N, C-alpha and C. Protein backbone atom coordinates (compact mmCIF):
# COMPACT_ATOMS: atom_id res chain seq x y z
N UNK A 1 143.80 196.43 79.52
CA UNK A 1 144.15 195.21 80.23
C UNK A 1 143.50 195.21 81.61
N UNK A 2 142.90 194.10 81.95
CA UNK A 2 142.25 193.98 83.25
C UNK A 2 143.29 193.88 84.35
N UNK A 3 143.02 194.59 85.44
CA UNK A 3 143.96 194.54 86.56
C UNK A 3 143.95 193.16 87.18
N UNK A 4 145.13 192.62 87.37
CA UNK A 4 145.25 191.28 87.96
C UNK A 4 145.16 191.39 89.47
N UNK A 5 144.24 190.67 90.07
CA UNK A 5 144.15 190.70 91.52
C UNK A 5 143.62 189.39 92.07
N UNK A 6 143.80 189.22 93.35
CA UNK A 6 143.28 188.04 94.04
C UNK A 6 141.77 188.16 94.15
N UNK A 7 141.08 187.05 94.10
CA UNK A 7 139.62 187.06 94.25
C UNK A 7 139.20 185.88 95.10
N UNK A 8 137.94 185.88 95.49
CA UNK A 8 137.40 184.83 96.34
C UNK A 8 136.36 184.05 95.56
N UNK A 9 136.45 182.73 95.57
CA UNK A 9 135.44 181.87 94.94
C UNK A 9 134.76 181.05 96.02
N UNK A 10 133.47 180.84 95.83
CA UNK A 10 132.70 180.03 96.78
C UNK A 10 132.52 178.63 96.21
N UNK A 11 132.80 177.64 97.03
CA UNK A 11 132.59 176.24 96.61
C UNK A 11 131.74 175.55 97.66
N UNK A 12 130.89 174.67 97.20
CA UNK A 12 130.04 173.90 98.10
C UNK A 12 129.81 172.54 97.45
N UNK A 13 130.24 171.49 98.11
CA UNK A 13 130.16 170.15 97.52
C UNK A 13 128.73 169.69 97.31
N UNK A 14 127.92 169.87 98.32
CA UNK A 14 126.50 169.50 98.22
C UNK A 14 125.68 170.64 98.82
N UNK A 15 124.41 170.73 98.50
CA UNK A 15 123.60 171.83 99.04
C UNK A 15 123.58 171.88 100.57
N UNK A 16 123.78 170.72 101.22
CA UNK A 16 123.73 170.70 102.68
C UNK A 16 125.09 170.88 103.33
N UNK A 17 126.16 170.83 102.54
CA UNK A 17 127.50 170.95 103.13
C UNK A 17 127.83 172.43 103.36
N UNK A 18 128.81 172.64 104.19
CA UNK A 18 129.25 174.00 104.50
C UNK A 18 129.96 174.60 103.28
N UNK A 19 129.60 175.82 102.97
CA UNK A 19 130.28 176.51 101.86
C UNK A 19 131.70 176.84 102.29
N UNK A 20 132.63 176.80 101.33
CA UNK A 20 134.00 177.19 101.61
C UNK A 20 134.36 178.32 100.67
N UNK A 21 135.25 179.16 101.12
CA UNK A 21 135.66 180.33 100.35
C UNK A 21 137.13 180.19 100.05
N UNK A 22 137.47 180.18 98.78
CA UNK A 22 138.84 179.92 98.36
C UNK A 22 139.46 181.18 97.78
N UNK A 23 140.65 181.50 98.25
CA UNK A 23 141.41 182.63 97.72
C UNK A 23 142.09 182.15 96.44
N UNK A 24 141.87 182.86 95.35
CA UNK A 24 142.42 182.49 94.04
C UNK A 24 143.36 183.60 93.58
N UNK A 25 144.58 183.23 93.19
CA UNK A 25 145.52 184.26 92.75
C UNK A 25 145.24 184.66 91.30
N UNK A 26 145.91 185.72 90.82
CA UNK A 26 145.62 186.22 89.46
C UNK A 26 145.83 185.20 88.34
N UNK A 27 146.65 184.20 88.58
CA UNK A 27 146.90 183.18 87.56
C UNK A 27 145.86 182.07 87.59
N UNK A 28 144.90 182.17 88.51
CA UNK A 28 143.86 181.15 88.60
C UNK A 28 144.25 179.99 89.51
N UNK A 29 145.36 180.13 90.21
CA UNK A 29 145.80 179.08 91.14
C UNK A 29 145.05 179.22 92.46
N UNK A 30 144.61 178.10 93.00
CA UNK A 30 143.94 178.13 94.29
C UNK A 30 144.99 178.25 95.38
N UNK A 31 144.81 179.21 96.27
CA UNK A 31 145.80 179.46 97.30
C UNK A 31 145.42 178.86 98.64
N UNK A 32 144.30 179.29 99.21
CA UNK A 32 143.95 178.86 100.55
C UNK A 32 142.44 178.89 100.69
N UNK A 33 141.91 178.00 101.52
CA UNK A 33 140.47 177.90 101.73
C UNK A 33 140.13 178.40 103.12
N UNK A 34 139.05 179.16 103.20
CA UNK A 34 138.60 179.73 104.46
C UNK A 34 137.17 179.28 104.73
N UNK A 35 136.81 179.21 106.01
CA UNK A 35 135.46 178.80 106.37
C UNK A 35 134.46 179.94 106.26
N UNK A 36 134.93 181.18 106.44
CA UNK A 36 134.00 182.31 106.38
C UNK A 36 134.38 183.23 105.23
N UNK A 37 133.36 183.82 104.65
CA UNK A 37 133.61 184.74 103.54
C UNK A 37 134.39 185.96 104.01
N UNK A 38 134.11 186.42 105.22
CA UNK A 38 134.80 187.60 105.74
C UNK A 38 136.31 187.36 105.82
N UNK A 39 136.71 186.18 106.30
CA UNK A 39 138.14 185.87 106.40
C UNK A 39 138.78 185.80 105.02
N UNK A 40 138.08 185.20 104.07
CA UNK A 40 138.63 185.08 102.71
C UNK A 40 138.76 186.45 102.06
N UNK A 41 137.74 187.29 102.23
CA UNK A 41 137.80 188.64 101.64
C UNK A 41 138.90 189.48 102.28
N UNK A 42 139.09 189.33 103.59
CA UNK A 42 140.16 190.07 104.27
C UNK A 42 141.52 189.62 103.74
N UNK A 43 141.69 188.33 103.54
CA UNK A 43 142.95 187.81 102.99
C UNK A 43 143.18 188.33 101.58
N UNK A 44 142.13 188.38 100.78
CA UNK A 44 142.25 188.90 99.41
C UNK A 44 142.63 190.38 99.43
N UNK A 45 142.01 191.14 100.33
CA UNK A 45 142.36 192.57 100.46
C UNK A 45 143.83 192.73 100.81
N UNK A 46 144.30 191.96 101.78
CA UNK A 46 145.71 192.05 102.17
C UNK A 46 146.62 191.68 101.01
N UNK A 47 146.28 190.62 100.31
CA UNK A 47 147.11 190.17 99.18
C UNK A 47 147.13 191.22 98.07
N UNK A 48 145.97 191.81 97.79
CA UNK A 48 145.90 192.83 96.74
C UNK A 48 146.70 194.07 97.14
N UNK A 49 146.67 194.43 98.41
CA UNK A 49 147.46 195.58 98.86
C UNK A 49 148.94 195.31 98.70
N UNK A 50 149.37 194.08 99.00
CA UNK A 50 150.80 193.73 98.82
C UNK A 50 151.20 193.83 97.36
N UNK A 51 150.33 193.44 96.46
CA UNK A 51 150.66 193.45 95.03
C UNK A 51 150.78 194.85 94.47
N UNK A 52 150.01 195.79 94.98
CA UNK A 52 149.97 197.13 94.38
C UNK A 52 151.15 198.00 94.83
N UNK A 53 151.85 197.60 95.88
CA UNK A 53 152.97 198.42 96.34
C UNK A 53 154.20 198.23 95.49
């Protein structure tokens, strides 16, 4: 069984628009959108740490 964890997806409406990084929970629900990949990845790390305890 694959470990369930939060992940980050990149979305961009048009090639010229700013990319957004969305935190997605293990059920595939979109949680929160971040402007920078670093912020989204940090949030995913924190969320994954909370889940494993």
